[in-house]
Amino acid sequence: MPETVVGRTAEYIAESAGQAFRATNAVADAIQDGVGVVRRVAKRGGDAAEELLNDTTQRMQRHLVLTVATTFAVGFTAGTLIGWMMKRR
């Protein structure tokens, strides 16, 4: 009888160890997949930002007069608002 209990206990321990090993592998695989997804998304985001910057630079170079006029208008408006706010104090 004691050998039977010891034998069953050893089987349960071996089975539990196998389940723990499989669970550890599943978690490691899930983490690895997540890291891969994050890397791909970061690369796509960086590529999109670079493309946006290039497009904006080209558009500014093609429409130079409009760019200068818009910059002047924004600067003048910001300066007027800041001056008005400073005057109110």
PDB file of N, CA and C in Angstrom:
ATOM      1  N   MET A   1       0.803  -1.192   0.000  1.00  0.00           N
ATOM      2  CA  MET A   1       0.000   0.000   0.000  1.00  0.00           C
ATOM      3  C   MET A   1       0.856   1.270   0.000  1.00  0.00           C
ATOM      4  N   PRO A   2       1.901   1.391   0.859  1.00  0.00           N
ATOM      5  CA  PRO A   2       2.697   2.615   0.853  1.00  0.00           C
ATOM      6  C   PRO A   2       3.356   2.862  -0.501  1.00  0.00           C
ATOM      7  N   GLU A   3       3.749   1.805  -1.200  1.00  0.00           N
ATOM      8  CA  GLU A   3       4.374   2.003  -2.510  1.00  0.00           C
ATOM      9  C   GLU A   3       3.365   2.572  -3.502  1.00  0.00           C
ATOM     10  N   THR A   4       2.143   2.188  -3.375  1.00  0.00           N
ATOM     11  CA  THR A   4       1.120   2.680  -4.274  1.00  0.00           C
ATOM     12  C   THR A   4       0.896   4.178  -4.058  1.00  0.00           C
ATOM     13  N   VAL A   5       0.828   4.606  -2.807  1.00  0.00           N
ATOM     14  CA  VAL A   5       0.627   6.022  -2.495  1.00  0.00           C
ATOM     15  C   VAL A   5       1.848   6.823  -2.952  1.00  0.00           C
ATOM     16  N   VAL A   6       3.038   6.284  -2.694  1.00  0.00           N
ATOM     17  CA  VAL A   6       4.266   6.968  -3.107  1.00  0.00           C
ATOM     18  C   VAL A   6       4.333   7.021  -4.633  1.00  0.00           C
ATOM     19  N   GLY A   7       3.961   5.963  -5.281  1.00  0.00           N
ATOM     20  CA  GLY A   7       3.975   5.928  -6.740  1.00  0.00           C
ATOM     21  C   GLY A   7       2.997   6.926  -7.333  1.00  0.00           C
ATOM     22  N   ARG A   8       1.787   6.999  -6.781  1.00  0.00           N
ATOM     23  CA  ARG A   8       0.801   7.962  -7.279  1.00  0.00           C
ATOM     24  C   ARG A   8       1.242   9.397  -7.016  1.00  0.00           C
ATOM     25  N   THR A   9       1.843   9.610  -5.870  1.00  0.00           N
ATOM     26  CA  THR A   9       2.322  10.964  -5.548  1.00  0.00           C
ATOM     27  C   THR A   9       3.416  11.383  -6.522  1.00  0.00           C
ATOM     28  N   ALA A  10       4.309  10.465  -6.838  1.00  0.00           N
ATOM     29  CA  ALA A  10       5.370  10.762  -7.799  1.00  0.00           C
ATOM     30  C   ALA A  10       4.780  11.059  -9.179  1.00  0.00           C
ATOM     31  N   GLU A  11       3.743  10.322  -9.571  1.00  0.00           N
ATOM     32  CA  GLU A  11       3.092  10.578 -10.857  1.00  0.00           C
ATOM     33  C   GLU A  11       2.435  11.960 -10.870  1.00  0.00           C
ATOM     34  N   TYR A  12       1.759  12.307  -9.785  1.00  0.00           N
ATOM     35  CA  TYR A  12       1.123  13.627  -9.701  1.00  0.00           C
ATOM     36  C   TYR A  12       2.158  14.743  -9.766  1.00  0.00           C
ATOM     37  N   ILE A  13       3.264  14.538  -9.092  1.00  0.00           N
ATOM     38  CA  ILE A  13       4.337  15.548  -9.105  1.00  0.00           C
ATOM     39  C   ILE A  13       4.909  15.682 -10.514  1.00  0.00           C
ATOM     40  N   ALA A  14       5.144  14.566 -11.176  1.00  0.00           N
ATOM     41  CA  ALA A  14       5.676  14.605 -12.538  1.00  0.00           C
ATOM     42  C   ALA A  14       4.678  15.269 -13.486  1.00  0.00           C
ATOM     43  N   GLU A  15       3.399  14.969 -13.332  1.00  0.00           N
ATOM     44  CA  GLU A  15       2.375  15.583 -14.175  1.00  0.00           C
ATOM     45  C   GLU A  15       2.284  17.087 -13.920  1.00  0.00           C
ATOM     46  N   SER A  16       2.344  17.486 -12.669  1.00  0.00           N
ATOM     47  CA  SER A  16       2.295  18.913 -12.323  1.00  0.00           C
ATOM     48  C   SER A  16       3.506  19.652 -12.874  1.00  0.00           C
ATOM     49  N   ALA A  17       4.654  19.028 -12.806  1.00  0.00           N
ATOM     50  CA  ALA A  17       5.863  19.646 -13.349  1.00  0.00           C
ATOM     51  C   ALA A  17       5.743  19.813 -14.860  1.00  0.00           C
ATOM     52  N   GLY A  18       5.188  18.821 -15.532  1.00  0.00           N
ATOM     53  CA  GLY A  18       4.985  18.915 -16.982  1.00  0.00           C
ATOM     54  C   GLY A  18       4.011  20.031 -17.337  1.00  0.00           C
ATOM     55  N   GLN A  19       2.939  20.158 -16.570  1.00  0.00           N
ATOM     56  CA  GLN A  19       1.975  21.227 -16.822  1.00  0.00           C
ATOM     57  C   GLN A  19       2.612  22.599 -16.580  1.00  0.00           C
ATOM     58  N   ALA A  20       3.404  22.707 -15.540  1.00  0.00           N
ATOM     59  CA  ALA A  20       4.081  23.980 -15.256  1.00  0.00           C
ATOM     60  C   ALA A  20       5.048  24.329 -16.383  1.00  0.00           C
ATOM     61  N   PHE A  21       5.744  23.338 -16.903  1.00  0.00           N
ATOM     62  CA  PHE A  21       6.683  23.568 -18.005  1.00  0.00           C
ATOM     63  C   PHE A  21       5.943  24.048 -19.251  1.00  0.00           C
ATOM     64  N   ARG A  22       4.801  23.399 -19.564  1.00  0.00           N
ATOM     65  CA  ARG A  22       4.019  23.806 -20.735  1.00  0.00           C
ATOM     66  C   ARG A  22       3.452  25.216 -20.552  1.00  0.00           C
ATOM     67  N   ALA A  23       3.003  25.523 -19.343  1.00  0.00           N
ATOM     68  CA  ALA A  23       2.467  26.866 -19.086  1.00  0.00           C
ATOM     69  C   ALA A  23       3.565  27.916 -19.215  1.00  0.00           C
ATOM     70  N   THR A  24       4.751  27.614 -18.718  1.00  0.00           N
ATOM     71  CA  THR A  24       5.877  28.546 -18.829  1.00  0.00           C
ATOM     72  C   THR A  24       6.227  28.786 -20.292  1.00  0.00           C
ATOM     73  N   ASN A  25       6.249  27.732 -21.084  1.00  0.00           N
ATOM     74  CA  ASN A  25       6.536  27.874 -22.512  1.00  0.00           C
ATOM     75  C   ASN A  25       5.459  28.706 -23.218  1.00  0.00           C
ATOM     76  N   ALA A  26       4.193  28.497 -22.848  1.00  0.00           N
ATOM     77  CA  ALA A  26       3.103  29.257 -23.466  1.00  0.00           C
ATOM     78  C   ALA A  26       3.228  30.740 -23.139  1.00  0.00           C
ATOM     79  N   VAL A  27       3.564  31.059 -21.897  1.00  0.00           N
ATOM     80  CA  VAL A  27       3.731  32.462 -21.502  1.00  0.00           C
ATOM     81  C   VAL A  27       4.927  33.075 -22.224  1.00  0.00           C
ATOM     82  N   ALA A  28       6.019  32.351 -22.321  1.00  0.00           N
ATOM     83  CA  ALA A  28       7.204  32.861 -23.014  1.00  0.00           C
ATOM     84  C   ALA A  28       6.901  33.115 -24.488  1.00  0.00           C
ATOM     85  N   ASP A  29       6.164  32.218 -25.121  1.00  0.00           N
ATOM     86  CA  ASP A  29       5.779  32.406 -26.529  1.00  0.00           C
ATOM     87  C   ASP A  29       4.882  33.629 -26.696  1.00  0.00           C
ATOM     88  N   ALA A  30       3.942  33.815 -25.774  1.00  0.00           N
ATOM     89  CA  ALA A  30       3.041  34.964 -25.855  1.00  0.00           C
ATOM     90  C   ALA A  30       3.821  36.273 -25.703  1.00  0.00           C
ATOM     91  N   ILE A  31       4.773  36.313 -24.795  1.00  0.00           N
ATOM     92  CA  ILE A  31       5.599  37.509 -24.606  1.00  0.00           C
ATOM     93  C   ILE A  31       6.427  37.775 -25.851  1.00  0.00           C
ATOM     94  N   GLN A  32       7.002  36.740 -26.414  1.00  0.00           N
ATOM     95  CA  GLN A  32       7.813  36.886 -27.620  1.00  0.00           C
ATOM     96  C   GLN A  32       6.974  37.411 -28.783  1.00  0.00           C
ATOM     97  N   ASP A  33       5.760  36.905 -28.935  1.00  0.00           N
ATOM     98  CA  ASP A  33       4.865  37.386 -29.988  1.00  0.00           C
ATOM     99  C   ASP A  33       4.508  38.851 -29.765  1.00  0.00           C
ATOM    100  N   GLY A  34       4.257  39.220 -28.525  1.00  0.00           N
ATOM    101  CA  GLY A  34       3.930  40.606 -28.200  1.00  0.00           C
ATOM    102  C   GLY A  34       5.075  41.553 -28.517  1.00  0.00           C
ATOM    103  N   VAL A  35       6.285  41.142 -28.216  1.00  0.00           N
ATOM    104  CA  VAL A  35       7.458  41.971 -28.510  1.00  0.00           C
ATOM    105  C   VAL A  35       7.592  42.158 -30.016  1.00  0.00           C
ATOM    106  N   GLY A  36       7.353  41.118 -30.776  1.00  0.00           N
ATOM    107  CA  GLY A  36       7.418  41.220 -32.235  1.00  0.00           C
ATOM    108  C   GLY A  36       6.384  42.194 -32.779  1.00  0.00           C
ATOM    109  N   VAL A  37       5.176  42.143 -32.239  1.00  0.00           N
ATOM    110  CA  VAL A  37       4.119  43.051 -32.686  1.00  0.00           C
ATOM    111  C   VAL A  37       4.496  44.495 -32.363  1.00  0.00           C
ATOM    112  N   VAL A  38       5.001  44.727 -31.161  1.00  0.00           N
ATOM    113  CA  VAL A  38       5.387  46.084 -30.763  1.00  0.00           C
ATOM    114  C   VAL A  38       6.494  46.615 -31.662  1.00  0.00           C
ATOM    115  N   ARG A  39       7.449  45.782 -32.000  1.00  0.00           N
ATOM    116  CA  ARG A  39       8.540  46.223 -32.883  1.00  0.00           C
ATOM    117  C   ARG A  39       8.014  46.596 -34.269  1.00  0.00           C
ATOM    118  N   ARG A  40       7.106  45.786 -34.806  1.00  0.00           N
ATOM    119  CA  ARG A  40       6.551  46.083 -36.131  1.00  0.00           C
ATOM    120  C   ARG A  40       5.748  47.387 -36.114  1.00  0.00           C
ATOM    121  N   VAL A  41       4.946  47.579 -35.069  1.00  0.00           N
ATOM    122  CA  VAL A  41       4.138  48.792 -34.967  1.00  0.00           C
ATOM    123  C   VAL A  41       5.041  50.016 -34.820  1.00  0.00           C
ATOM    124  N   ALA A  42       6.098  49.905 -34.022  1.00  0.00           N
ATOM    125  CA  ALA A  42       7.018  51.032 -33.844  1.00  0.00           C
ATOM    126  C   ALA A  42       7.707  51.370 -35.165  1.00  0.00           C
ATOM    127  N   LYS A  43       8.089  50.360 -35.907  1.00  0.00           N
ATOM    128  CA  LYS A  43       8.749  50.610 -37.193  1.00  0.00           C
ATOM    129  C   LYS A  43       7.788  51.282 -38.166  1.00  0.00           C
ATOM    130  N   ARG A  44       6.555  50.804 -38.222  1.00  0.00           N
ATOM    131  CA  ARG A  44       5.565  51.424 -39.113  1.00  0.00           C
ATOM    132  C   ARG A  44       5.285  52.862 -38.705  1.00  0.00           C
ATOM    133  N   GLY A  45       5.199  53.117 -37.412  1.00  0.00           N
ATOM    134  CA  GLY A  45       4.967  54.478 -36.932  1.00  0.00           C
ATOM    135  C   GLY A  45       6.120  55.398 -37.292  1.00  0.00           C
ATOM    136  N   GLY A  46       7.341  54.911 -37.140  1.00  0.00           N
ATOM    137  CA  GLY A  46       8.514  55.706 -37.512  1.00  0.00           C
ATOM    138  C   GLY A  46       8.554  55.987 -39.004  1.00  0.00           C
ATOM    139  N   ASP A  47       8.218  54.983 -39.795  1.00  0.00           N
ATOM    140  CA  ASP A  47       8.175  55.176 -41.253  1.00  0.00           C
ATOM    141  C   ASP A  47       7.104  56.196 -41.646  1.00  0.00           C
ATOM    142  N   ALA A  48       5.951  56.131 -41.001  1.00  0.00           N
ATOM    143  CA  ALA A  48       4.874  57.077 -41.308  1.00  0.00           C
ATOM    144  C   ALA A  48       5.275  58.502 -40.920  1.00  0.00           C
ATOM    145  N   ALA A  49       5.928  58.656 -39.769  1.00  0.00           N
ATOM    146  CA  ALA A  49       6.371  59.986 -39.343  1.00  0.00           C
ATOM    147  C   ALA A  49       7.424  60.542 -40.300  1.00  0.00           C
ATOM    148  N   GLU A  50       8.331  59.700 -40.732  1.00  0.00           N
ATOM    149  CA  GLU A  50       9.355  60.144 -41.680  1.00  0.00           C
ATOM    150  C   GLU A  50       8.726  60.559 -43.013  1.00  0.00           C
ATOM    151  N   GLU A  51       7.757  59.793 -43.473  1.00  0.00           N
ATOM    152  CA  GLU A  51       7.078  60.124 -44.724  1.00  0.00           C
ATOM    153  C   GLU A  51       6.318  61.445 -44.595  1.00  0.00           C
ATOM    154  N   LEU A  52       5.659  61.667 -43.458  1.00  0.00           N
ATOM    155  CA  LEU A  52       4.945  62.915 -43.223  1.00  0.00           C
ATOM    156  C   LEU A  52       5.906  64.097 -43.229  1.00  0.00           C
ATOM    157  N   LEU A  53       7.054  63.940 -42.579  1.00  0.00           N
ATOM    158  CA  LEU A  53       8.047  65.005 -42.554  1.00  0.00           C
ATOM    159  C   LEU A  53       8.558  65.315 -43.959  1.00  0.00           C
ATOM    160  N   ASN A  54       8.843  64.292 -44.740  1.00  0.00           N
ATOM    161  CA  ASN A  54       9.309  64.502 -46.118  1.00  0.00           C
ATOM    162  C   ASN A  54       8.246  65.194 -46.974  1.00  0.00           C
ATOM    163  N   ASP A  55       7.000  64.758 -46.845  1.00  0.00           N
ATOM    164  CA  ASP A  55       5.912  65.378 -47.610  1.00  0.00           C
ATOM    165  C   ASP A  55       5.734  66.846 -47.218  1.00  0.00           C
ATOM    166  N   THR A  56       5.809  67.125 -45.928  1.00  0.00           N
ATOM    167  CA  THR A  56       5.651  68.502 -45.462  1.00  0.00           C
ATOM    168  C   THR A  56       6.786  69.378 -45.967  1.00  0.00           C
ATOM    169  N   THR A  57       8.002  68.860 -45.935  1.00  0.00           N
ATOM    170  CA  THR A  57       9.149  69.621 -46.431  1.00  0.00           C
ATOM    171  C   THR A  57       9.000  69.925 -47.916  1.00  0.00           C
ATOM    172  N   GLN A  58       8.593  68.945 -48.690  1.00  0.00           N
ATOM    173  CA  GLN A  58       8.401  69.160 -50.131  1.00  0.00           C
ATOM    174  C   GLN A  58       7.280  70.168 -50.401  1.00  0.00           C
ATOM    175  N   ARG A  59       6.202  70.084 -49.645  1.00  0.00           N
ATOM    176  CA  ARG A  59       5.085  71.012 -49.830  1.00  0.00           C
ATOM    177  C   ARG A  59       5.514  72.442 -49.479  1.00  0.00           C
ATOM    178  N   MET A  60       6.301  72.594 -48.423  1.00  0.00           N
ATOM    179  CA  MET A  60       6.787  73.921 -48.037  1.00  0.00           C
ATOM    180  C   MET A  60       7.714  74.493 -49.104  1.00  0.00           C
ATOM    181  N   GLN A  61       8.528  73.655 -49.705  1.00  0.00           N
ATOM    182  CA  GLN A  61       9.434  74.122 -50.743  1.00  0.00           C
ATOM    183  C   GLN A  61       8.676  74.508 -52.018  1.00  0.00           C
ATOM    184  N   ARG A  62       7.599  73.805 -52.332  1.00  0.00           N
ATOM    185  CA  ARG A  62       6.810  74.116 -53.526  1.00  0.00           C
ATOM    186  C   ARG A  62       6.001  75.392 -53.346  1.00  0.00           C
ATOM    187  N   HIS A  63       5.534  75.662 -52.144  1.00  0.00           N
ATOM    188  CA  HIS A  63       4.679  76.817 -51.871  1.00  0.00           C
ATOM    189  C   HIS A  63       5.397  77.765 -50.907  1.00  0.00           C
ATOM    190  N   LEU A  64       6.520  78.291 -51.321  1.00  0.00           N
ATOM    191  CA  LEU A  64       7.373  79.083 -50.439  1.00  0.00           C
ATOM    192  C   LEU A  64       6.701  80.386 -50.007  1.00  0.00           C
ATOM    193  N   VAL A  65       6.062  81.095 -50.914  1.00  0.00           N
ATOM    194  CA  VAL A  65       5.429  82.370 -50.570  1.00  0.00           C
ATOM    195  C   VAL A  65       4.295  82.137 -49.571  1.00  0.00           C
ATOM    196  N   LEU A  66       3.478  81.127 -49.792  1.00  0.00           N
ATOM    197  CA  LEU A  66       2.388  80.809 -48.875  1.00  0.00           C
ATOM    198  C   LEU A  66       2.927  80.425 -47.501  1.00  0.00           C
ATOM    199  N   THR A  67       4.035  79.701 -47.467  1.00  0.00           N
ATOM    200  CA  THR A  67       4.643  79.294 -46.208  1.00  0.00           C
ATOM    201  C   THR A  67       5.120  80.513 -45.425  1.00  0.00           C
ATOM    202  N   VAL A  68       5.800  81.439 -46.107  1.00  0.00           N
ATOM    203  CA  VAL A  68       6.311  82.631 -45.428  1.00  0.00           C
ATOM    204  C   VAL A  68       5.149  83.492 -44.936  1.00  0.00           C
ATOM    205  N   ALA A  69       4.117  83.663 -45.761  1.00  0.00           N
ATOM    206  CA  ALA A  69       2.968  84.473 -45.364  1.00  0.00           C
ATOM    207  C   ALA A  69       2.238  83.859 -44.170  1.00  0.00           C
ATOM    208  N   THR A  70       2.063  82.566 -44.181  1.00  0.00           N
ATOM    209  CA  THR A  70       1.388  81.883 -43.076  1.00  0.00           C
ATOM    210  C   THR A  70       2.208  81.994 -41.800  1.00  0.00           C
ATOM    211  N   THR A  71       3.506  81.823 -41.901  1.00  0.00           N
ATOM    212  CA  THR A  71       4.385  81.931 -40.737  1.00  0.00           C
ATOM    213  C   THR A  71       4.310  83.339 -40.162  1.00  0.00           C
ATOM    214  N   PHE A  72       4.331  84.346 -41.028  1.00  0.00           N
ATOM    215  CA  PHE A  72       4.233  85.732 -40.564  1.00  0.00           C
ATOM    216  C   PHE A  72       2.898  85.960 -39.860  1.00  0.00           C
ATOM    217  N   ALA A  73       1.800  85.472 -40.440  1.00  0.00           N
ATOM    218  CA  ALA A  73       0.471  85.672 -39.858  1.00  0.00           C
ATOM    219  C   ALA A  73       0.356  84.995 -38.493  1.00  0.00           C
ATOM    220  N   VAL A  74       0.868  83.797 -38.377  1.00  0.00           N
ATOM    221  CA  VAL A  74       0.811  83.082 -37.099  1.00  0.00           C
ATOM    222  C   VAL A  74       1.659  83.802 -36.056  1.00  0.00           C
ATOM    223  N   GLY A  75       2.840  84.243 -36.435  1.00  0.00           N
ATOM    224  CA  GLY A  75       3.710  84.965 -35.504  1.00  0.00           C
ATOM    225  C   GLY A  75       3.099  86.286 -35.065  1.00  0.00           C
ATOM    226  N   PHE A  76       2.521  87.015 -36.013  1.00  0.00           N
ATOM    227  CA  PHE A  76       1.890  88.291 -35.694  1.00  0.00           C
ATOM    228  C   PHE A  76       0.710  88.089 -34.748  1.00  0.00           C
ATOM    229  N   THR A  77      -0.111  87.084 -35.030  1.00  0.00           N
ATOM    230  CA  THR A  77      -1.265  86.793 -34.180  1.00  0.00           C
ATOM    231  C   THR A  77      -0.834  86.377 -32.778  1.00  0.00           C
ATOM    232  N   ALA A  78       0.168  85.498 -32.688  1.00  0.00           N
ATOM    233  CA  ALA A  78       0.658  85.066 -31.375  1.00  0.00           C
ATOM    234  C   ALA A  78       1.235  86.252 -30.601  1.00  0.00           C
ATOM    235  N   GLY A  79       1.994  87.103 -31.280  1.00  0.00           N
ATOM    236  CA  GLY A  79       2.561  88.277 -30.612  1.00  0.00           C
ATOM    237  C   GLY A  79       1.490  89.227 -30.130  1.00  0.00           C
ATOM    238  N   THR A  80       0.454  89.428 -30.954  1.00  0.00           N
ATOM    239  CA  THR A  80      -0.647  90.311 -30.557  1.00  0.00           C
ATOM    240  C   THR A  80      -1.372  89.752 -29.334  1.00  0.00           C
ATOM    241  N   LEU A  81      -1.649  88.455 -29.340  1.00  0.00           N
ATOM    242  CA  LEU A  81      -2.340  87.838 -28.200  1.00  0.00           C
ATOM    243  C   LEU A  81      -1.500  87.905 -26.935  1.00  0.00           C
ATOM    244  N   ILE A  82      -0.218  87.644 -27.045  1.00  0.00           N
ATOM    245  CA  ILE A  82       0.654  87.688 -25.871  1.00  0.00           C
ATOM    246  C   ILE A  82       0.739  89.121 -25.347  1.00  0.00           C
ATOM    247  N   GLY A  83       0.885  90.084 -26.254  1.00  0.00           N
ATOM    248  CA  GLY A  83       0.917  91.488 -25.833  1.00  0.00           C
ATOM    249  C   GLY A  83      -0.379  91.914 -25.168  1.00  0.00           C
ATOM    250  N   TRP A  84      -1.501  91.479 -25.713  1.00  0.00           N
ATOM    251  CA  TRP A  84      -2.801  91.810 -25.132  1.00  0.00           C
ATOM    252  C   TRP A  84      -2.947  91.209 -23.728  1.00  0.00           C
ATOM    253  N   MET A  85      -2.496  89.956 -23.569  1.00  0.00           N
ATOM    254  CA  MET A  85      -2.578  89.288 -22.263  1.00  0.00           C
ATOM    255  C   MET A  85      -1.661  89.957 -21.242  1.00  0.00           C
ATOM    256  N   MET A  86      -0.488  90.401 -21.665  1.00  0.00           N
ATOM    257  CA  MET A  86       0.454  91.070 -20.764  1.00  0.00           C
ATOM    258  C   MET A  86      -0.105  92.445 -20.346  1.00  0.00           C
ATOM    259  N   LYS A  87      -0.783  93.106 -21.255  1.00  0.00           N
ATOM    260  CA  LYS A  87      -1.318  94.443 -21.002  1.00  0.00           C
ATOM    261  C   LYS A  87      -2.453  94.380 -19.979  1.00  0.00           C
ATOM    262  N   ARG A  88      -3.226  93.307 -19.998  1.00  0.00           N
ATOM    263  CA  ARG A  88      -4.358  93.154 -19.091  1.00  0.00           C
ATOM    264  C   ARG A  88      -3.930  92.985 -17.643  1.00  0.00           C
ATOM    265  N   ARG A  89      -2.745  92.523 -17.399  1.00  0.00           N
ATOM    266  CA  ARG A  89      -2.278  92.298 -16.027  1.00  0.00           C
ATOM    267  C   ARG A  89      -1.860  93.594 -15.500  1.00  0.00           C
TER     268      ARG A  89
END
